């Protein structure tokens, strides 16, 4: 069964050399994601997306970063981006199956999370639901993370909410090798 096309058509190969070079840099030899192919067809949107993309490692560990991204995407019901991140990064980030599931079905109180990870999940949830952190949530985050890390957490939440808007609003078909919310991981 073929998946529906996104609401805005993605670029088809062969890609212009500049775009191919950007895809190669981001994807490290893998075929470009549908999201990237859609965005790259519109230079202003693509430039802004890449500029704000936080695709570099940053001050968080890969594990911390992926917990924030996976939880943000799950809260936004963005199976597309959640699935891509789980498929590519869950292993390298050393996220166990129960932890991956907890990003979708659990919360900060899920027994799989350490205290610093509970603070991360609490912060992601608060930012998603209220677009702010109360004093207790900020204090809990500050007990485990420095200022640069806290800013990165907030930026990741905002960026991946935007990615969720794009993937969901454009009705991007799920990537073939990505994880699924409802299927075994």
C-alpha atoms as a PDB file:
ATOM      1  CA  UNK A   1       0.000   0.000   0.000  1.00  0.00           C
ATOM      2  CA  UNK A   2       1.519   3.316  -1.002  1.00  0.00           C
ATOM      3  CA  UNK A   3       1.540   6.224   1.406  1.00  0.00           C
ATOM      4  CA  UNK A   4      -0.107   9.502   0.472  1.00  0.00           C
ATOM      5  CA  UNK A   5       2.003  12.305  -0.878  1.00  0.00           C
ATOM      6  CA  UNK A   6       2.789  15.233   1.406  1.00  0.00           C
ATOM      7  CA  UNK A   7       0.692  18.361   0.915  1.00  0.00           C
ATOM      8  CA  UNK A   8       3.719  20.153  -0.572  1.00  0.00           C
ATOM      9  CA  UNK A   9       5.700  18.076  -3.046  1.00  0.00           C
ATOM     10  CA  UNK A  10       9.251  17.108  -2.084  1.00  0.00           C
ATOM     11  CA  UNK A  11      12.196  17.576  -4.415  1.00  0.00           C
ATOM     12  CA  UNK A  12      13.006  14.567  -6.536  1.00  0.00           C
ATOM     13  CA  UNK A  13      16.538  13.503  -7.436  1.00  0.00           C
ATOM     14  CA  UNK A  14      18.788  14.485  -8.998  1.00  0.00           C
ATOM     15  CA  UNK A  15      19.131  17.398  -6.596  1.00  0.00           C
ATOM     16  CA  UNK A  16      20.933  20.625  -7.433  1.00  0.00           C
ATOM     17  CA  UNK A  17      24.612  20.264  -6.375  1.00  0.00           C
ATOM     18  CA  UNK A  18      24.291  22.767  -3.497  1.00  0.00           C
ATOM     19  CA  UNK A  19      21.241  20.932  -2.109  1.00  0.00           C
ATOM     20  CA  UNK A  20      22.899  17.530  -2.595  1.00  0.00           C
ATOM     21  CA  UNK A  21      25.925  18.760  -0.632  1.00  0.00           C
ATOM     22  CA  UNK A  22      23.649  19.938   2.188  1.00  0.00           C
ATOM     23  CA  UNK A  23      21.799  16.606   2.224  1.00  0.00           C
ATOM     24  CA  UNK A  24      25.132  14.757   2.298  1.00  0.00           C
ATOM     25  CA  UNK A  25      26.313  16.843   5.252  1.00  0.00           C
ATOM     26  CA  UNK A  26      23.096  16.292   7.220  1.00  0.00           C
ATOM     27  CA  UNK A  27      22.328  12.701   6.240  1.00  0.00           C
ATOM     28  CA  UNK A  28      25.926  11.383   6.093  1.00  0.00           C
ATOM     29  CA  UNK A  29      25.307   9.330   2.966  1.00  0.00           C
ATOM     30  CA  UNK A  30      21.748   8.152   3.714  1.00  0.00           C
ATOM     31  CA  UNK A  31      18.928   9.257   1.411  1.00  0.00           C
ATOM     32  CA  UNK A  32      17.394  12.573   2.487  1.00  0.00           C
ATOM     33  CA  UNK A  33      14.254  12.491   4.606  1.00  0.00           C
ATOM     34  CA  UNK A  34      10.977  13.573   3.017  1.00  0.00           C
ATOM     35  CA  UNK A  35      10.886  16.528   5.450  1.00  0.00           C
ATOM     36  CA  UNK A  36      14.244  17.762   4.169  1.00  0.00           C
ATOM     37  CA  UNK A  37      13.209  17.235   0.547  1.00  0.00           C
ATOM     38  CA  UNK A  38      10.051  19.315   1.062  1.00  0.00           C
ATOM     39  CA  UNK A  39      11.879  22.097   2.885  1.00  0.00           C
ATOM     40  CA  UNK A  40      14.780  22.186   0.402  1.00  0.00           C
ATOM     41  CA  UNK A  41      12.368  22.981  -2.416  1.00  0.00           C
ATOM     42  CA  UNK A  42      11.777  26.402  -0.840  1.00  0.00           C
ATOM     43  CA  UNK A  43      15.083  28.207  -0.278  1.00  0.00           C
ATOM     44  CA  UNK A  44      13.988  30.684   2.392  1.00  0.00           C
ATOM     45  CA  UNK A  45      12.230  28.011   4.467  1.00  0.00           C
ATOM     46  CA  UNK A  46      15.162  25.595   4.010  1.00  0.00           C
ATOM     47  CA  UNK A  47      17.735  28.205   5.030  1.00  0.00           C
ATOM     48  CA  UNK A  48      15.730  29.179   8.139  1.00  0.00           C
ATOM     49  CA  UNK A  49      15.112  25.545   9.011  1.00  0.00           C
ATOM     50  CA  UNK A  50      18.804  24.652   8.789  1.00  0.00           C
ATOM     51  CA  UNK A  51      19.843  27.795  10.679  1.00  0.00           C
ATOM     52  CA  UNK A  52      17.574  26.969  13.610  1.00  0.00           C
ATOM     53  CA  UNK A  53      17.896  23.232  13.353  1.00  0.00           C
ATOM     54  CA  UNK A  54      20.158  22.521  16.276  1.00  0.00           C
ATOM     55  CA  UNK A  55      21.606  19.651  14.263  1.00  0.00           C
ATOM     56  CA  UNK A  56      24.960  19.987  16.023  1.00  0.00           C
ATOM     57  CA  UNK A  57      25.682  18.091  19.252  1.00  0.00           C
ATOM     58  CA  UNK A  58      25.315  21.061  21.646  1.00  0.00           C
ATOM     59  CA  UNK A  59      25.800  21.007  25.431  1.00  0.00           C
ATOM     60  CA  UNK A  60      23.548  18.016  26.158  1.00  0.00           C
ATOM     61  CA  UNK A  61      24.559  14.373  25.875  1.00  0.00           C
ATOM     62  CA  UNK A  62      23.026  12.471  22.963  1.00  0.00           C
ATOM     63  CA  UNK A  63      20.833  10.612  25.451  1.00  0.00           C
ATOM     64  CA  UNK A  64      19.528  13.813  27.077  1.00  0.00           C
ATOM     65  CA  UNK A  65      18.979  15.408  23.691  1.00  0.00           C
ATOM     66  CA  UNK A  66      17.013  12.427  22.385  1.00  0.00           C
ATOM     67  CA  UNK A  67      14.828  12.223  25.484  1.00  0.00           C
ATOM     68  CA  UNK A  68      13.867  15.875  24.937  1.00  0.00           C
ATOM     69  CA  UNK A  69      13.271  15.412  21.197  1.00  0.00           C
ATOM     70  CA  UNK A  70      11.380  12.124  21.493  1.00  0.00           C
ATOM     71  CA  UNK A  71       9.141  13.405  24.285  1.00  0.00           C
ATOM     72  CA  UNK A  72       8.443  16.667  22.449  1.00  0.00           C
ATOM     73  CA  UNK A  73       7.513  14.843  19.254  1.00  0.00           C
ATOM     74  CA  UNK A  74       5.362  12.334  21.152  1.00  0.00           C
ATOM     75  CA  UNK A  75       3.452  15.090  22.954  1.00  0.00           C
ATOM     76  CA  UNK A  76       2.815  16.717  19.568  1.00  0.00           C
ATOM     77  CA  UNK A  77       1.642  13.384  18.157  1.00  0.00           C
ATOM     78  CA  UNK A  78       4.368  13.592  15.531  1.00  0.00           C
ATOM     79  CA  UNK A  79       5.012   9.959  14.720  1.00  0.00           C
ATOM     80  CA  UNK A  80       7.049  11.004  11.675  1.00  0.00           C
ATOM     81  CA  UNK A  81       9.864  12.787  13.555  1.00  0.00           C
ATOM     82  CA  UNK A  82       9.641  10.634  16.672  1.00  0.00           C
ATOM     83  CA  UNK A  83      10.023   7.538  14.493  1.00  0.00           C
ATOM     84  CA  UNK A  84      13.021   8.934  12.627  1.00  0.00           C
ATOM     85  CA  UNK A  85      14.792   9.850  15.856  1.00  0.00           C
ATOM     86  CA  UNK A  86      14.045   6.533  17.543  1.00  0.00           C
ATOM     87  CA  UNK A  87      15.240   4.561  14.515  1.00  0.00           C
ATOM     88  CA  UNK A  88      18.474   6.519  14.120  1.00  0.00           C
ATOM     89  CA  UNK A  89      19.414   7.638  17.628  1.00  0.00           C
ATOM     90  CA  UNK A  90      17.812   5.383  20.270  1.00  0.00           C
ATOM     91  CA  UNK A  91      20.632   2.835  19.984  1.00  0.00           C
ATOM     92  CA  UNK A  92      23.545   5.294  20.065  1.00  0.00           C
ATOM     93  CA  UNK A  93      21.793   7.221  22.888  1.00  0.00           C
ATOM     94  CA  UNK A  94      21.463   3.952  24.841  1.00  0.00           C
ATOM     95  CA  UNK A  95      17.699   4.359  25.233  1.00  0.00           C
ATOM     96  CA  UNK A  96      16.173   1.036  26.256  1.00  0.00           C
ATOM     97  CA  UNK A  97      12.859  -0.142  24.807  1.00  0.00           C
ATOM     98  CA  UNK A  98      10.968   0.769  27.993  1.00  0.00           C
ATOM     99  CA  UNK A  99      12.442   4.291  27.899  1.00  0.00           C
ATOM    100  CA  UNK A 100      11.494   4.781  24.249  1.00  0.00           C
ATOM    101  CA  UNK A 101       7.954   3.620  25.058  1.00  0.00           C
ATOM    102  CA  UNK A 102       7.841   5.959  28.063  1.00  0.00           C
ATOM    103  CA  UNK A 103       8.483   8.948  25.801  1.00  0.00           C
ATOM    104  CA  UNK A 104       5.071   8.201  24.267  1.00  0.00           C
ATOM    105  CA  UNK A 105       3.087   6.397  26.950  1.00  0.00           C
ATOM    106  CA  UNK A 106       4.744   7.436  30.202  1.00  0.00           C
ATOM    107  CA  UNK A 107       5.558  10.587  32.109  1.00  0.00           C
ATOM    108  CA  UNK A 108       8.249  11.916  34.433  1.00  0.00           C
ATOM    109  CA  UNK A 109       7.184   9.464  37.135  1.00  0.00           C
ATOM    110  CA  UNK A 110       7.854   6.426  34.918  1.00  0.00           C
ATOM    111  CA  UNK A 111      10.273   4.206  36.862  1.00  0.00           C
ATOM    112  CA  UNK A 112      12.737   3.977  33.964  1.00  0.00           C
ATOM    113  CA  UNK A 113      13.920   7.591  34.366  1.00  0.00           C
ATOM    114  CA  UNK A 114      16.760   8.761  36.605  1.00  0.00           C
ATOM    115  CA  UNK A 115      16.197  11.965  38.653  1.00  0.00           C
ATOM    116  CA  UNK A 116      17.955  14.169  36.043  1.00  0.00           C
ATOM    117  CA  UNK A 117      15.843  12.557  33.301  1.00  0.00           C
ATOM    118  CA  UNK A 118      12.680  13.056  35.364  1.00  0.00           C
ATOM    119  CA  UNK A 119      13.544  16.769  35.483  1.00  0.00           C
ATOM    120  CA  UNK A 120      13.964  16.741  31.685  1.00  0.00           C
ATOM    121  CA  UNK A 121      10.601  15.065  31.079  1.00  0.00           C
ATOM    122  CA  UNK A 122       8.894  17.399  33.564  1.00  0.00           C
ATOM    123  CA  UNK A 123      10.372  20.417  31.783  1.00  0.00           C
ATOM    124  CA  UNK A 124       9.374  19.166  28.323  1.00  0.00           C
ATOM    125  CA  UNK A 125       5.837  18.478  29.535  1.00  0.00           C
ATOM    126  CA  UNK A 126       5.541  21.910  31.191  1.00  0.00           C
ATOM    127  CA  UNK A 127       6.843  23.727  28.129  1.00  0.00           C
ATOM    128  CA  UNK A 128       4.471  21.775  25.903  1.00  0.00           C
ATOM    129  CA  UNK A 129       1.367  22.316  28.036  1.00  0.00           C
ATOM    130  CA  UNK A 130       2.018  25.797  29.466  1.00  0.00           C
ATOM    131  CA  UNK A 131       4.887  27.288  27.445  1.00  0.00           C
ATOM    132  CA  UNK A 132       6.701  28.036  30.714  1.00  0.00           C
ATOM    133  CA  UNK A 133       8.376  26.455  33.719  1.00  0.00           C
ATOM    134  CA  UNK A 134       7.201  27.225  37.235  1.00  0.00           C
ATOM    135  CA  UNK A 135       9.757  27.898  39.963  1.00  0.00           C
ATOM    136  CA  UNK A 136       9.804  24.277  41.151  1.00  0.00           C
ATOM    137  CA  UNK A 137      10.284  22.894  37.645  1.00  0.00           C
ATOM    138  CA  UNK A 138      13.085  25.358  36.920  1.00  0.00           C
ATOM    139  CA  UNK A 139      14.763  24.558  40.237  1.00  0.00           C
ATOM    140  CA  UNK A 140      14.579  20.814  39.508  1.00  0.00           C
ATOM    141  CA  UNK A 141      16.106  21.377  36.085  1.00  0.00           C
ATOM    142  CA  UNK A 142      18.793  23.665  37.556  1.00  0.00           C
ATOM    143  CA  UNK A 143      19.765  20.976  40.062  1.00  0.00           C
ATOM    144  CA  UNK A 144      20.975  18.793  37.189  1.00  0.00           C
ATOM    145  CA  UNK A 145      21.723  21.091  34.252  1.00  0.00           C
ATOM    146  CA  UNK A 146      23.690  24.306  33.764  1.00  0.00           C
ATOM    147  CA  UNK A 147      22.436  27.455  32.043  1.00  0.00           C
ATOM    148  CA  UNK A 148      23.685  26.445  28.578  1.00  0.00           C
ATOM    149  CA  UNK A 149      21.981  23.061  28.906  1.00  0.00           C
ATOM    150  CA  UNK A 150      18.709  24.600  30.101  1.00  0.00           C
ATOM    151  CA  UNK A 151      18.689  26.975  27.139  1.00  0.00           C
ATOM    152  CA  UNK A 152      19.384  24.036  24.825  1.00  0.00           C
ATOM    153  CA  UNK A 153      16.483  22.075  26.341  1.00  0.00           C
ATOM    154  CA  UNK A 154      14.123  24.978  25.727  1.00  0.00           C
ATOM    155  CA  UNK A 155      15.431  25.526  22.188  1.00  0.00           C
ATOM    156  CA  UNK A 156      15.072  21.837  21.357  1.00  0.00           C
ATOM    157  CA  UNK A 157      11.492  21.798  22.659  1.00  0.00           C
ATOM    158  CA  UNK A 158      10.611  24.808  20.516  1.00  0.00           C
ATOM    159  CA  UNK A 159      12.399  23.589  17.417  1.00  0.00           C
ATOM    160  CA  UNK A 160      10.922  20.097  17.541  1.00  0.00           C
ATOM    161  CA  UNK A 161       7.469  21.524  18.156  1.00  0.00           C
ATOM    162  CA  UNK A 162       8.008  23.424  14.901  1.00  0.00           C
ATOM    163  CA  UNK A 163       9.231  20.238  13.203  1.00  0.00           C
ATOM    164  CA  UNK A 164       6.087  18.520  14.499  1.00  0.00           C
ATOM    165  CA  UNK A 165       3.924  21.278  13.016  1.00  0.00           C
ATOM    166  CA  UNK A 166       5.671  20.804   9.673  1.00  0.00           C
ATOM    167  CA  UNK A 167       5.508  17.009   9.603  1.00  0.00           C
ATOM    168  CA  UNK A 168       1.918  16.837  10.855  1.00  0.00           C
ATOM    169  CA  UNK A 169       0.596  19.829   8.918  1.00  0.00           C
ATOM    170  CA  UNK A 170       2.182  18.665   5.660  1.00  0.00           C
ATOM    171  CA  UNK A 171       0.985  15.095   6.300  1.00  0.00           C
ATOM    172  CA  UNK A 172       4.411  13.694   5.605  1.00  0.00           C
ATOM    173  CA  UNK A 173       4.334   9.960   4.930  1.00  0.00           C
ATOM    174  CA  UNK A 174       6.198   7.996   7.583  1.00  0.00           C
ATOM    175  CA  UNK A 175       9.750   7.120   6.624  1.00  0.00           C
ATOM    176  CA  UNK A 176      10.075   3.463   5.655  1.00  0.00           C
ATOM    177  CA  UNK A 177      12.613   2.484   8.316  1.00  0.00           C
ATOM    178  CA  UNK A 178      11.334   4.726  11.113  1.00  0.00           C
ATOM    179  CA  UNK A 179       9.842   3.432  14.358  1.00  0.00           C
ATOM    180  CA  UNK A 180       6.087   3.536  14.880  1.00  0.00           C
ATOM    181  CA  UNK A 181       4.100   4.597  17.930  1.00  0.00           C
ATOM    182  CA  UNK A 182       1.850   1.517  17.916  1.00  0.00           C
ATOM    183  CA  UNK A 183       4.262  -1.163  16.756  1.00  0.00           C
ATOM    184  CA  UNK A 184       6.823  -3.068  18.808  1.00  0.00           C
ATOM    185  CA  UNK A 185      10.126  -1.236  18.917  1.00  0.00           C
END
